[in-house]
Amino acid sequence: MLNKILISIAIGLVITSSCMALDENNYDEQYKENIVPLIQKMGEGFFDGSEKVRIHYRTFLQAGARNCVVILPGRTEPVEKYAEVIYDLTRTAAGKKLNFYLMDHRGQGSSGRMKAPTDLGYVDLFQNYVNDVGLFVNNQGLESICEKRFLLAHSMGAGIATAFVIQHPDYFNKVALSSPMLKIMTKPYSYAVARVIVETSTLAGRGAKFAIGQKGFEPDSKFEENTFTSSPIRFKMAMSMFDTFPVAKLGGVANRWVLEIMKGTNPLHSHYHEISVPLRVFHAGLEAYSEPSEMIKLCDEAADCKRTILPTSKHEVMMDRDVNRDIVMNELSNFFK
């Protein structure tokens, strides 16, 4: 389509825009000096989400800022992990005009859990994720206090964001999605076989049990075995979050979680053409969680979508090596002008 632009970022491309805030070569010192104080300055609160599950949120507000960004993290990610993203954006002209609102999804971060053990990734209904977003933005009064409302979401959060945008097409002015989980990858099983397995397991009363191959939180996870970032130092940062915020520890997913993600995202596939809001999709080349073909389909069918491919990035493009995340952060700062 003529109104679609596919931006492919190749290895070795010269980036003419400025690099972002933290350098991997001096990351620990810069993180302690700049990011830790930012987390400490964040506002914090709770509200009752759908079905009375306690939902945790954070805010970072700037004097004179009139535009707002809602950030929805991916599965397992506590909202505090996005402090570096906030710091980067606030060092740009566009970012100085932004207030930030971040929400921990039910069942993760500092939000309430629904099943034991507490490190089990579980949800009883996908739509409750979406309802929580609506309750959050309404409780914060964003419709009345923000001149422009932007949405930035990653992975599972981006799948939830897509559902929200389809259900509430006029709420956000711009939407950026990182590795959106519109169709979960189920290797080594085919998607159809995985659906049968989790559906059968749930019907057999094992919905709140770890799915095949899943297990509890692993504090000694090794960088070499991870599939979410190519950056050793940001892997260390991500894992240290669970030391700083131990309540956020989360392991593998339950059968019911997989089933609800499938049941919740499948209907979205026939509604991409209804999305008219300006949309940006960041697509990791080394993807292990979100089906790439569905990201392509979304951008092909949405009215105003640009997709950026990062061939050497793993799943978490905003938490990857500088060479990849700088591209993403620079594009976000331009997009949120």
C-alpha atoms as a PDB file:
ATOM      1  CA  MET A   1       0.000   0.000   0.000  1.00  0.00           C
ATOM      2  CA  LEU A   2       1.199   3.522  -0.818  1.00  0.00           C
ATOM      3  CA  ASN A   3       0.546   4.832   2.676  1.00  0.00           C
ATOM      4  CA  LYS A   4       2.739   2.187   4.308  1.00  0.00           C
ATOM      5  CA  ILE A   5       6.438   2.763   4.913  1.00  0.00           C
ATOM      6  CA  LEU A   6       8.679  -0.134   5.886  1.00  0.00           C
ATOM      7  CA  ILE A   7      11.910   1.011   7.469  1.00  0.00           C
ATOM      8  CA  SER A   8      14.575  -1.683   7.552  1.00  0.00           C
ATOM      9  CA  ILE A   9      17.571  -0.893   9.728  1.00  0.00           C
ATOM     10  CA  ALA A  10      20.669  -2.791   8.598  1.00  0.00           C
ATOM     11  CA  ILE A  11      23.726  -3.669  10.616  1.00  0.00           C
ATOM     12  CA  GLY A  12      26.334  -0.947  10.296  1.00  0.00           C
ATOM     13  CA  LEU A  13      23.895   1.789   9.284  1.00  0.00           C
ATOM     14  CA  VAL A  14      25.257   5.197  10.194  1.00  0.00           C
ATOM     15  CA  ILE A  15      22.878   6.913  12.595  1.00  0.00           C
ATOM     16  CA  THR A  16      22.931  10.644  12.091  1.00  0.00           C
ATOM     17  CA  SER A  17      20.642  11.448  15.022  1.00  0.00           C
ATOM     18  CA  SER A  18      22.145  11.807  18.486  1.00  0.00           C
ATOM     19  CA  CYS A  19      22.719   8.829  20.764  1.00  0.00           C
ATOM     20  CA  MET A  20      20.556   8.524  23.821  1.00  0.00           C
ATOM     21  CA  ALA A  21      21.421   8.974  27.461  1.00  0.00           C
ATOM     22  CA  LEU A  22      23.156   5.948  28.964  1.00  0.00           C
ATOM     23  CA  ASP A  23      26.213   4.339  27.386  1.00  0.00           C
ATOM     24  CA  GLU A  24      26.713   0.605  27.905  1.00  0.00           C
ATOM     25  CA  ASN A  25      30.420   1.219  28.495  1.00  0.00           C
ATOM     26  CA  ASN A  26      29.732   3.195  31.669  1.00  0.00           C
ATOM     27  CA  TYR A  27      26.246   1.946  32.410  1.00  0.00           C
ATOM     28  CA  ASP A  28      26.332   1.033  36.107  1.00  0.00           C
ATOM     29  CA  GLU A  29      27.690   4.400  37.226  1.00  0.00           C
ATOM     30  CA  GLN A  30      25.292   6.359  34.994  1.00  0.00           C
ATOM     31  CA  TYR A  31      22.344   4.246  36.128  1.00  0.00           C
ATOM     32  CA  LYS A  32      23.060   4.922  39.801  1.00  0.00           C
ATOM     33  CA  GLU A  33      23.600   8.621  39.138  1.00  0.00           C
ATOM     34  CA  ASN A  34      20.592   9.271  36.904  1.00  0.00           C
ATOM     35  CA  ILE A  35      18.036   6.450  36.883  1.00  0.00           C
ATOM     36  CA  VAL A  36      17.841   5.496  40.550  1.00  0.00           C
ATOM     37  CA  PRO A  37      17.008   9.097  41.585  1.00  0.00           C
ATOM     38  CA  LEU A  38      14.356   9.239  38.845  1.00  0.00           C
ATOM     39  CA  ILE A  39      12.663   6.112  40.224  1.00  0.00           C
ATOM     40  CA  GLN A  40      12.748   7.663  43.691  1.00  0.00           C
ATOM     41  CA  LYS A  41      11.028  10.800  42.364  1.00  0.00           C
ATOM     42  CA  MET A  42       8.190   8.871  40.735  1.00  0.00           C
ATOM     43  CA  GLY A  43       4.707   9.157  42.132  1.00  0.00           C
ATOM     44  CA  GLU A  44       3.113   5.892  43.175  1.00  0.00           C
ATOM     45  CA  GLY A  45      -0.331   4.544  43.951  1.00  0.00           C
ATOM     46  CA  PHE A  46      -2.879   1.753  43.670  1.00  0.00           C
ATOM     47  CA  PHE A  47      -6.434   1.424  42.406  1.00  0.00           C
ATOM     48  CA  ASP A  48      -8.989  -1.343  42.180  1.00  0.00           C
ATOM     49  CA  GLY A  49      -8.831  -2.921  38.752  1.00  0.00           C
ATOM     50  CA  SER A  50     -11.419  -5.121  37.102  1.00  0.00           C
ATOM     51  CA  GLU A  51     -12.876  -7.644  39.562  1.00  0.00           C
ATOM     52  CA  LYS A  52     -11.196  -5.716  42.416  1.00  0.00           C
ATOM     53  CA  VAL A  53      -7.634  -6.842  41.714  1.00  0.00           C
ATOM     54  CA  ARG A  54      -5.258  -4.250  43.220  1.00  0.00           C
ATOM     55  CA  ILE A  55      -3.359  -2.481  40.432  1.00  0.00           C
ATOM     56  CA  HIS A  56      -0.082  -0.616  41.034  1.00  0.00           C
ATOM     57  CA  TYR A  57       0.977   2.420  39.023  1.00  0.00           C
ATOM     58  CA  ARG A  58       3.735   5.012  38.832  1.00  0.00           C
ATOM     59  CA  THR A  59       3.831   8.551  37.448  1.00  0.00           C
ATOM     60  CA  PHE A  60       6.604  10.919  36.440  1.00  0.00           C
ATOM     61  CA  LEU A  61       5.361  14.480  35.992  1.00  0.00           C
ATOM     62  CA  GLN A  62       7.290  17.478  34.662  1.00  0.00           C
ATOM     63  CA  ALA A  63       6.619  21.138  35.283  1.00  0.00           C
ATOM     64  CA  GLY A  64       4.853  22.710  32.308  1.00  0.00           C
ATOM     65  CA  ALA A  65       4.302  19.406  30.473  1.00  0.00           C
ATOM     66  CA  ARG A  66       0.871  19.166  28.858  1.00  0.00           C
ATOM     67  CA  ASN A  67       1.098  15.966  26.796  1.00  0.00           C
ATOM     68  CA  CYS A  68       0.877  12.499  28.355  1.00  0.00           C
ATOM     69  CA  VAL A  69       2.377   9.086  27.634  1.00  0.00           C
ATOM     70  CA  VAL A  70       0.868   5.908  29.060  1.00  0.00           C
ATOM     71  CA  ILE A  71       3.432   3.076  29.243  1.00  0.00           C
ATOM     72  CA  LEU A  72       2.306  -0.558  29.357  1.00  0.00           C
ATOM     73  CA  PRO A  73       5.172  -3.005  30.050  1.00  0.00           C
ATOM     74  CA  GLY A  74       5.551  -6.531  28.769  1.00  0.00           C
ATOM     75  CA  ARG A  75       4.998  -9.716  30.725  1.00  0.00           C
ATOM     76  CA  THR A  76       7.185 -10.013  33.867  1.00  0.00           C
ATOM     77  CA  GLU A  77       8.352  -6.397  33.606  1.00  0.00           C
ATOM     78  CA  PRO A  78       7.798  -4.096  36.602  1.00  0.00           C
ATOM     79  CA  VAL A  79       7.071  -0.519  35.574  1.00  0.00           C
ATOM     80  CA  GLU A  80      10.248   0.722  37.281  1.00  0.00           C
ATOM     81  CA  LYS A  81      12.230  -1.001  34.533  1.00  0.00           C
ATOM     82  CA  TYR A  82      11.082   1.771  32.162  1.00  0.00           C
ATOM     83  CA  ALA A  83      12.798   4.533  34.140  1.00  0.00           C
ATOM     84  CA  GLU A  84      15.665   4.546  31.629  1.00  0.00           C
ATOM     85  CA  VAL A  85      13.197   4.995  28.768  1.00  0.00           C
ATOM     86  CA  ILE A  86      11.633   7.936  30.605  1.00  0.00           C
ATOM     87  CA  TYR A  87      15.047   9.441  31.309  1.00  0.00           C
ATOM     88  CA  ASP A  88      16.036   9.187  27.654  1.00  0.00           C
ATOM     89  CA  LEU A  89      12.840  10.807  26.440  1.00  0.00           C
ATOM     90  CA  THR A  90      12.990  13.668  28.943  1.00  0.00           C
ATOM     91  CA  ARG A  91      16.354  14.649  27.511  1.00  0.00           C
ATOM     92  CA  THR A  92      14.712  15.410  24.144  1.00  0.00           C
ATOM     93  CA  ALA A  93      12.715  18.479  23.149  1.00  0.00           C
ATOM     94  CA  ALA A  94       9.535  16.454  22.736  1.00  0.00           C
ATOM     95  CA  GLY A  95      10.104  14.568  25.978  1.00  0.00           C
ATOM     96  CA  LYS A  96      10.313  17.718  28.061  1.00  0.00           C
ATOM     97  CA  LYS A  97       6.641  18.282  27.244  1.00  0.00           C
ATOM     98  CA  LEU A  98       5.550  14.819  28.402  1.00  0.00           C
ATOM     99  CA  ASN A  99       4.092  13.481  31.625  1.00  0.00           C
ATOM    100  CA  PHE A 100       4.423   9.722  32.102  1.00  0.00           C
ATOM    101  CA  TYR A 101       1.889   7.244  33.481  1.00  0.00           C
ATOM    102  CA  LEU A 102       2.909   3.597  33.951  1.00  0.00           C
ATOM    103  CA  MET A 103       0.774   0.674  35.101  1.00  0.00           C
ATOM    104  CA  ASP A 104       1.750  -2.777  36.366  1.00  0.00           C
ATOM    105  CA  HIS A 105      -0.564  -5.323  34.756  1.00  0.00           C
ATOM    106  CA  ARG A 106      -2.547  -7.547  37.094  1.00  0.00           C
ATOM    107  CA  GLY A 107      -0.543 -10.553  38.236  1.00  0.00           C
ATOM    108  CA  GLN A 108       2.874  -8.904  37.873  1.00  0.00           C
ATOM    109  CA  GLY A 109       5.037  -6.055  39.118  1.00  0.00           C
ATOM    110  CA  SER A 110       3.626  -4.711  42.366  1.00  0.00           C
ATOM    111  CA  SER A 111       0.031  -5.387  41.318  1.00  0.00           C
ATOM    112  CA  GLY A 112      -2.137  -8.031  42.949  1.00  0.00           C
ATOM    113  CA  ARG A 113      -1.772 -11.719  42.173  1.00  0.00           C
ATOM    114  CA  MET A 114      -4.767 -13.977  41.575  1.00  0.00           C
ATOM    115  CA  LYS A 115      -3.331 -17.436  42.160  1.00  0.00           C
ATOM    116  CA  ALA A 116      -0.624 -19.172  44.165  1.00  0.00           C
ATOM    117  CA  PRO A 117       2.277 -19.430  43.842  1.00  0.00           C
ATOM    118  CA  THR A 118       2.756 -15.681  43.482  1.00  0.00           C
ATOM    119  CA  ASP A 119       5.433 -16.123  40.800  1.00  0.00           C
ATOM    120  CA  LEU A 120       2.967 -17.917  38.502  1.00  0.00           C
ATOM    121  CA  GLY A 121       2.083 -15.928  35.377  1.00  0.00           C
ATOM    122  CA  TYR A 122      -1.710 -16.065  35.446  1.00  0.00           C
ATOM    123  CA  VAL A 123      -4.776 -14.229  34.205  1.00  0.00           C
ATOM    124  CA  ASP A 124      -8.364 -15.420  34.278  1.00  0.00           C
ATOM    125  CA  LEU A 125      -9.638 -13.236  31.420  1.00  0.00           C
ATOM    126  CA  PHE A 126      -7.697 -11.280  28.789  1.00  0.00           C
ATOM    127  CA  GLN A 127     -10.319  -8.537  28.688  1.00  0.00           C
ATOM    128  CA  ASN A 128      -9.544  -7.723  32.327  1.00  0.00           C
ATOM    129  CA  TYR A 129      -6.112  -6.501  31.185  1.00  0.00           C
ATOM    130  CA  VAL A 130      -7.843  -4.137  28.768  1.00  0.00           C
ATOM    131  CA  ASN A 131     -10.413  -3.025  31.348  1.00  0.00           C
ATOM    132  CA  ASP A 132      -7.618  -2.177  33.784  1.00  0.00           C
ATOM    133  CA  VAL A 133      -6.112   0.230  31.246  1.00  0.00           C
ATOM    134  CA  GLY A 134      -9.459   1.992  30.894  1.00  0.00           C
ATOM    135  CA  LEU A 135      -9.836   2.287  34.651  1.00  0.00           C
ATOM    136  CA  PHE A 136      -6.276   3.612  34.969  1.00  0.00           C
ATOM    137  CA  VAL A 137      -6.575   6.400  32.418  1.00  0.00           C
ATOM    138  CA  ASN A 138      -9.995   7.376  33.755  1.00  0.00           C
ATOM    139  CA  ASN A 139      -8.766   7.437  37.362  1.00  0.00           C
ATOM    140  CA  GLN A 140      -5.882   9.676  36.326  1.00  0.00           C
ATOM    141  CA  GLY A 141      -8.239  11.975  34.419  1.00  0.00           C
ATOM    142  CA  LEU A 142      -6.025  11.997  31.342  1.00  0.00           C
ATOM    143  CA  GLU A 143      -8.836  12.969  28.986  1.00  0.00           C
ATOM    144  CA  SER A 144      -9.181  16.343  30.686  1.00  0.00           C
ATOM    145  CA  ILE A 145      -5.594  17.142  31.717  1.00  0.00           C
ATOM    146  CA  CYS A 146      -3.649  16.095  28.602  1.00  0.00           C
ATOM    147  CA  GLU A 147      -3.533  18.109  25.384  1.00  0.00           C
ATOM    148  CA  LYS A 148      -2.299  15.013  23.547  1.00  0.00           C
ATOM    149  CA  ARG A 149      -2.431  11.422  24.768  1.00  0.00           C
ATOM    150  CA  PHE A 150       0.198   8.937  23.565  1.00  0.00           C
ATOM    151  CA  LEU A 151       0.514   5.210  24.238  1.00  0.00           C
ATOM    152  CA  LEU A 152       3.794   3.263  24.401  1.00  0.00           C
ATOM    153  CA  ALA A 153       3.521  -0.484  24.976  1.00  0.00           C
ATOM    154  CA  HIS A 154       5.730  -3.556  24.764  1.00  0.00           C
ATOM    155  CA  SER A 155       5.007  -7.232  23.968  1.00  0.00           C
ATOM    156  CA  MET A 156       2.039  -8.442  26.036  1.00  0.00           C
ATOM    157  CA  GLY A 157       1.369  -4.808  26.912  1.00  0.00           C
ATOM    158  CA  ALA A 158       1.314  -4.003  23.196  1.00  0.00           C
ATOM    159  CA  GLY A 159      -1.232  -6.773  22.584  1.00  0.00           C
ATOM    160  CA  ILE A 160      -3.374  -5.255  25.332  1.00  0.00           C
ATOM    161  CA  ALA A 161      -2.812  -1.797  23.850  1.00  0.00           C
ATOM    162  CA  THR A 162      -3.971  -2.985  20.420  1.00  0.00           C
ATOM    163  CA  ALA A 163      -7.176  -4.347  21.934  1.00  0.00           C
ATOM    164  CA  PHE A 164      -7.730  -1.077  23.800  1.00  0.00           C
ATOM    165  CA  VAL A 165      -7.216   1.020  20.648  1.00  0.00           C
ATOM    166  CA  ILE A 166      -9.663  -1.123  18.681  1.00  0.00           C
ATOM    167  CA  GLN A 167     -12.252  -0.846  21.458  1.00  0.00           C
ATOM    168  CA  HIS A 168     -11.583   2.873  22.125  1.00  0.00           C
ATOM    169  CA  PRO A 169     -10.437   4.253  18.752  1.00  0.00           C
ATOM    170  CA  ASP A 170     -10.586   7.947  19.691  1.00  0.00           C
ATOM    171  CA  TYR A 171      -8.773   7.914  23.021  1.00  0.00           C
ATOM    172  CA  PHE A 172      -5.080   8.067  22.046  1.00  0.00           C
ATOM    173  CA  ASN A 173      -3.578  10.478  19.514  1.00  0.00           C
ATOM    174  CA  LYS A 174      -0.538   8.321  18.723  1.00  0.00           C
ATOM    175  CA  VAL A 175       0.435   4.732  19.559  1.00  0.00           C
ATOM    176  CA  ALA A 176       3.878   3.077  19.543  1.00  0.00           C
ATOM    177  CA  LEU A 177       4.161  -0.701  19.894  1.00  0.00           C
ATOM    178  CA  SER A 178       7.341  -2.641  20.641  1.00  0.00           C
ATOM    179  CA  SER A 179       7.364  -6.326  19.609  1.00  0.00           C
ATOM    180  CA  PRO A 180       3.570  -6.519  19.977  1.00  0.00           C
ATOM    181  CA  MET A 181       2.289  -9.897  21.148  1.00  0.00           C
ATOM    182  CA  LEU A 182      -0.585 -10.188  18.681  1.00  0.00           C
ATOM    183  CA  LYS A 183       0.023 -13.906  18.241  1.00  0.00           C
ATOM    184  CA  ILE A 184       2.157 -15.735  20.758  1.00  0.00           C
ATOM    185  CA  MET A 185       4.987 -17.944  19.481  1.00  0.00           C
ATOM    186  CA  THR A 186       4.529 -21.516  20.736  1.00  0.00           C
ATOM    187  CA  LYS A 187       7.659 -23.387  19.627  1.00  0.00           C
ATOM    188  CA  PRO A 188       8.349 -26.316  19.668  1.00  0.00           C
ATOM    189  CA  TYR A 189       4.590 -26.872  19.203  1.00  0.00           C
ATOM    190  CA  SER A 190       2.507 -25.476  16.385  1.00  0.00           C
ATOM    191  CA  TYR A 191       0.049 -22.775  17.410  1.00  0.00           C
ATOM    192  CA  ALA A 192      -2.920 -25.124  16.858  1.00  0.00           C
ATOM    193  CA  VAL A 193      -1.392 -27.942  18.909  1.00  0.00           C
ATOM    194  CA  ALA A 194      -0.449 -25.548  21.726  1.00  0.00           C
ATOM    195  CA  ARG A 195      -4.023 -24.246  21.801  1.00  0.00           C
ATOM    196  CA  VAL A 196      -5.369 -27.789  22.192  1.00  0.00           C
ATOM    197  CA  ILE A 197      -2.874 -28.563  24.974  1.00  0.00           C
ATOM    198  CA  VAL A 198      -3.643 -25.486  27.113  1.00  0.00           C
ATOM    199  CA  GLU A 199      -7.381 -25.702  26.491  1.00  0.00           C
ATOM    200  CA  THR A 200      -7.450 -29.361  27.480  1.00  0.00           C
ATOM    201  CA  SER A 201      -5.274 -28.694  30.531  1.00  0.00           C
ATOM    202  CA  THR A 202      -7.511 -25.839  31.645  1.00  0.00           C
ATOM    203  CA  LEU A 203     -10.670 -27.911  31.223  1.00  0.00           C
ATOM    204  CA  ALA A 204      -8.991 -30.657  33.266  1.00  0.00           C
ATOM    205  CA  GLY A 205      -8.544 -28.274  36.187  1.00  0.00           C
ATOM    206  CA  ARG A 206      -4.899 -27.382  35.497  1.00  0.00           C
ATOM    207  CA  GLY A 207      -5.487 -23.813  34.379  1.00  0.00           C
ATOM    208  CA  ALA A 208      -3.579 -22.442  37.363  1.00  0.00           C
ATOM    209  CA  LYS A 209      -0.641 -24.823  36.888  1.00  0.00           C
ATOM    210  CA  PHE A 210       2.555 -24.028  34.988  1.00  0.00           C
ATOM    211  CA  ALA A 211       2.259 -24.779  31.280  1.00  0.00           C
ATOM    212  CA  ILE A 212       4.563 -27.374  29.700  1.00  0.00           C
ATOM    213  CA  GLY A 213       8.184 -26.241  29.959  1.00  0.00           C
ATOM    214  CA  GLN A 214       7.367 -23.397  32.370  1.00  0.00           C
ATOM    215  CA  LYS A 215       8.604 -23.049  35.950  1.00  0.00           C
ATOM    216  CA  GLY A 216       8.935 -20.588  38.799  1.00  0.00           C
ATOM    217  CA  PHE A 217      11.158 -17.507  39.053  1.00  0.00           C
ATOM    218  CA  GLU A 218      14.841 -18.263  38.443  1.00  0.00           C
ATOM    219  CA  PRO A 219      17.104 -15.797  40.303  1.00  0.00           C
ATOM    220  CA  ASP A 220      20.260 -17.237  38.748  1.00  0.00           C
ATOM    221  CA  SER A 221      19.255 -16.835  35.104  1.00  0.00           C
ATOM    222  CA  LYS A 222      22.255 -16.476  32.815  1.00  0.00           C
ATOM    223  CA  PHE A 223      22.643 -13.842  30.104  1.00  0.00           C
ATOM    224  CA  GLU A 224      23.862 -16.424  27.594  1.00  0.00           C
ATOM    225  CA  GLU A 225      20.571 -18.303  27.896  1.00  0.00           C
ATOM    226  CA  ASN A 226      18.253 -15.290  27.711  1.00  0.00           C
ATOM    227  CA  THR A 227      16.050 -14.516  24.716  1.00  0.00           C
ATOM    228  CA  PHE A 228      14.938 -10.948  25.503  1.00  0.00           C
ATOM    229  CA  THR A 229      18.044  -8.736  25.202  1.00  0.00           C
ATOM    230  CA  SER A 230      21.424  -8.729  23.450  1.00  0.00           C
ATOM    231  CA  SER A 231      22.846  -6.337  26.043  1.00  0.00           C
ATOM    232  CA  PRO A 232      24.645  -7.985  29.002  1.00  0.00           C
ATOM    233  CA  ILE A 233      24.476  -4.824  31.096  1.00  0.00           C
ATOM    234  CA  ARG A 234      20.753  -4.294  30.514  1.00  0.00           C
ATOM    235  CA  PHE A 235      20.114  -7.961  31.246  1.00  0.00           C
ATOM    236  CA  LYS A 236      21.834  -7.355  34.585  1.00  0.00           C
ATOM    237  CA  MET A 237      19.664  -4.266  35.145  1.00  0.00           C
ATOM    238  CA  ALA A 238      16.472  -6.188  34.353  1.00  0.00           C
ATOM    239  CA  MET A 239      17.319  -8.992  36.767  1.00  0.00           C
ATOM    240  CA  SER A 240      18.367  -6.545  39.504  1.00  0.00           C
ATOM    241  CA  MET A 241      14.842  -5.102  39.393  1.00  0.00           C
ATOM    242  CA  PHE A 242      13.639  -8.239  41.164  1.00  0.00           C
ATOM    243  CA  ASP A 243      16.182  -7.680  43.941  1.00  0.00           C
ATOM    244  CA  THR A 244      15.091  -4.063  44.369  1.00  0.00           C
ATOM    245  CA  PHE A 245      11.393  -4.927  44.078  1.00  0.00           C
ATOM    246  CA  PRO A 246      11.146  -8.558  45.260  1.00  0.00           C
ATOM    247  CA  VAL A 247       7.333  -8.492  45.160  1.00  0.00           C
ATOM    248  CA  ALA A 248       7.660  -8.254  41.361  1.00  0.00           C
ATOM    249  CA  LYS A 249       9.344 -11.664  40.945  1.00  0.00           C
ATOM    250  CA  LEU A 250       7.564 -13.642  38.252  1.00  0.00           C
ATOM    251  CA  GLY A 251       8.299 -16.992  36.670  1.00  0.00           C
ATOM    252  CA  GLY A 252       6.691 -18.909  33.826  1.00  0.00           C
ATOM    253  CA  VAL A 253       3.097 -18.859  32.677  1.00  0.00           C
ATOM    254  CA  ALA A 254       0.068 -20.959  33.536  1.00  0.00           C
ATOM    255  CA  ASN A 255      -2.009 -22.923  31.055  1.00  0.00           C
ATOM    256  CA  ARG A 256      -4.862 -20.460  31.569  1.00  0.00           C
ATOM    257  CA  TRP A 257      -2.602 -17.499  30.789  1.00  0.00           C
ATOM    258  CA  VAL A 258      -1.588 -18.983  27.431  1.00  0.00           C
ATOM    259  CA  LEU A 259      -5.204 -19.814  26.618  1.00  0.00           C
ATOM    260  CA  GLU A 260      -6.432 -16.326  27.518  1.00  0.00           C
ATOM    261  CA  ILE A 261      -3.702 -14.653  25.465  1.00  0.00           C
ATOM    262  CA  MET A 262      -4.772 -16.775  22.491  1.00  0.00           C
ATOM    263  CA  LYS A 263      -8.478 -16.152  23.035  1.00  0.00           C
ATOM    264  CA  GLY A 264      -7.899 -12.435  23.585  1.00  0.00           C
ATOM    265  CA  THR A 265      -5.573 -11.688  20.681  1.00  0.00           C
ATOM    266  CA  ASN A 266      -7.086 -13.915  17.965  1.00  0.00           C
ATOM    267  CA  PRO A 267     -10.147 -11.675  17.449  1.00  0.00           C
ATOM    268  CA  LEU A 268      -7.883  -8.648  16.954  1.00  0.00           C
ATOM    269  CA  HIS A 269      -6.545 -10.071  13.688  1.00  0.00           C
ATOM    270  CA  SER A 270      -9.690  -9.164  11.754  1.00  0.00           C
ATOM    271  CA  HIS A 271      -9.852  -5.600  13.088  1.00  0.00           C
ATOM    272  CA  TYR A 272      -6.450  -4.107  12.221  1.00  0.00           C
ATOM    273  CA  HIS A 273      -8.027  -2.172   9.345  1.00  0.00           C
ATOM    274  CA  GLU A 274     -10.140  -0.265  11.877  1.00  0.00           C
ATOM    275  CA  ILE A 275      -7.084   1.337  13.506  1.00  0.00           C
ATOM    276  CA  SER A 276      -6.800   4.879  12.199  1.00  0.00           C
ATOM    277  CA  VAL A 277      -4.538   6.425  14.855  1.00  0.00           C
ATOM    278  CA  PRO A 278      -0.912   7.061  13.770  1.00  0.00           C
ATOM    279  CA  LEU A 279       0.924   3.871  14.665  1.00  0.00           C
ATOM    280  CA  ARG A 280       4.594   2.885  14.972  1.00  0.00           C
ATOM    281  CA  VAL A 281       5.697  -0.734  15.311  1.00  0.00           C
ATOM    282  CA  PHE A 282       9.213  -1.787  16.340  1.00  0.00           C
ATOM    283  CA  HIS A 283      10.052  -5.272  15.159  1.00  0.00           C
ATOM    284  CA  ALA A 284      12.953  -7.282  16.619  1.00  0.00           C
ATOM    285  CA  GLY A 285      14.852  -9.370  14.094  1.00  0.00           C
ATOM    286  CA  LEU A 286      15.720 -12.016  16.719  1.00  0.00           C
ATOM    287  CA  GLU A 287      12.169 -12.453  17.976  1.00  0.00           C
ATOM    288  CA  ALA A 288      11.311 -15.338  20.318  1.00  0.00           C
ATOM    289  CA  TYR A 289       7.912 -14.440  21.781  1.00  0.00           C
ATOM    290  CA  SER A 290       5.703 -12.490  19.351  1.00  0.00           C
ATOM    291  CA  GLU A 291       4.856 -13.865  15.899  1.00  0.00           C
ATOM    292  CA  PRO A 292       6.536 -11.536  13.324  1.00  0.00           C
ATOM    293  CA  SER A 293       3.971 -12.210  10.569  1.00  0.00           C
ATOM    294  CA  GLU A 294       1.248 -10.696  12.741  1.00  0.00           C
ATOM    295  CA  MET A 295       3.224  -7.473  13.211  1.00  0.00           C
ATOM    296  CA  ILE A 296       3.578  -7.233   9.446  1.00  0.00           C
ATOM    297  CA  LYS A 297      -0.153  -7.843   8.961  1.00  0.00           C
ATOM    298  CA  LEU A 298      -1.020  -5.162  11.511  1.00  0.00           C
ATOM    299  CA  CYS A 299       1.081  -2.539   9.755  1.00  0.00           C
ATOM    300  CA  ASP A 300      -0.129  -3.558   6.307  1.00  0.00           C
ATOM    301  CA  GLU A 301      -3.777  -3.174   7.286  1.00  0.00           C
ATOM    302  CA  ALA A 302      -3.787  -0.226   9.719  1.00  0.00           C
ATOM    303  CA  ALA A 303      -4.449   3.141   8.100  1.00  0.00           C
ATOM    304  CA  ASP A 304      -1.280   4.966   9.219  1.00  0.00           C
ATOM    305  CA  CYS A 305       1.491   2.595  10.304  1.00  0.00           C
ATOM    306  CA  LYS A 306       5.276   2.582   9.973  1.00  0.00           C
ATOM    307  CA  ARG A 307       7.299  -0.451  10.983  1.00  0.00           C
ATOM    308  CA  THR A 308      10.971  -0.404  11.959  1.00  0.00           C
ATOM    309  CA  ILE A 309      12.915  -3.670  11.769  1.00  0.00           C
ATOM    310  CA  LEU A 310      15.957  -4.093  14.016  1.00  0.00           C
ATOM    311  CA  PRO A 311      17.689  -7.206  12.600  1.00  0.00           C
ATOM    312  CA  THR A 312      20.201  -7.648  15.450  1.00  0.00           C
ATOM    313  CA  SER A 313      17.861  -6.912  18.349  1.00  0.00           C
ATOM    314  CA  LYS A 314      16.219  -9.467  20.575  1.00  0.00           C
ATOM    315  CA  HIS A 315      12.628  -9.138  21.808  1.00  0.00           C
ATOM    316  CA  GLU A 316      13.016  -6.108  24.100  1.00  0.00           C
ATOM    317  CA  VAL A 317      14.115  -3.466  21.607  1.00  0.00           C
ATOM    318  CA  MET A 318      13.990  -0.674  24.225  1.00  0.00           C
ATOM    319  CA  MET A 319      16.273  -2.725  26.497  1.00  0.00           C
ATOM    320  CA  ASP A 320      18.706  -4.001  23.870  1.00  0.00           C
ATOM    321  CA  ARG A 321      22.205  -2.838  22.922  1.00  0.00           C
ATOM    322  CA  ASP A 322      22.806   0.876  22.360  1.00  0.00           C
ATOM    323  CA  VAL A 323      23.044   0.409  18.596  1.00  0.00           C
ATOM    324  CA  ASN A 324      19.463  -0.870  18.515  1.00  0.00           C
ATOM    325  CA  ARG A 325      17.727   1.011  21.300  1.00  0.00           C
ATOM    326  CA  ASP A 326      19.146   4.369  20.161  1.00  0.00           C
ATOM    327  CA  ILE A 327      17.272   3.919  16.889  1.00  0.00           C
ATOM    328  CA  VAL A 328      14.057   3.170  18.751  1.00  0.00           C
ATOM    329  CA  MET A 329      14.414   6.026  21.237  1.00  0.00           C
ATOM    330  CA  ASN A 330      15.251   8.571  18.548  1.00  0.00           C
ATOM    331  CA  GLU A 331      12.230   7.506  16.525  1.00  0.00           C
ATOM    332  CA  LEU A 332      10.014   7.704  19.609  1.00  0.00           C
ATOM    333  CA  SER A 333      11.194  11.205  20.428  1.00  0.00           C
ATOM    334  CA  ASN A 334      10.354  12.305  16.875  1.00  0.00           C
ATOM    335  CA  PHE A 335       7.019  10.482  16.920  1.00  0.00           C
ATOM    336  CA  PHE A 336       5.902  12.102  20.174  1.00  0.00           C
ATOM    337  CA  LYS A 337       6.573  15.656  18.982  1.00  0.00           C
END
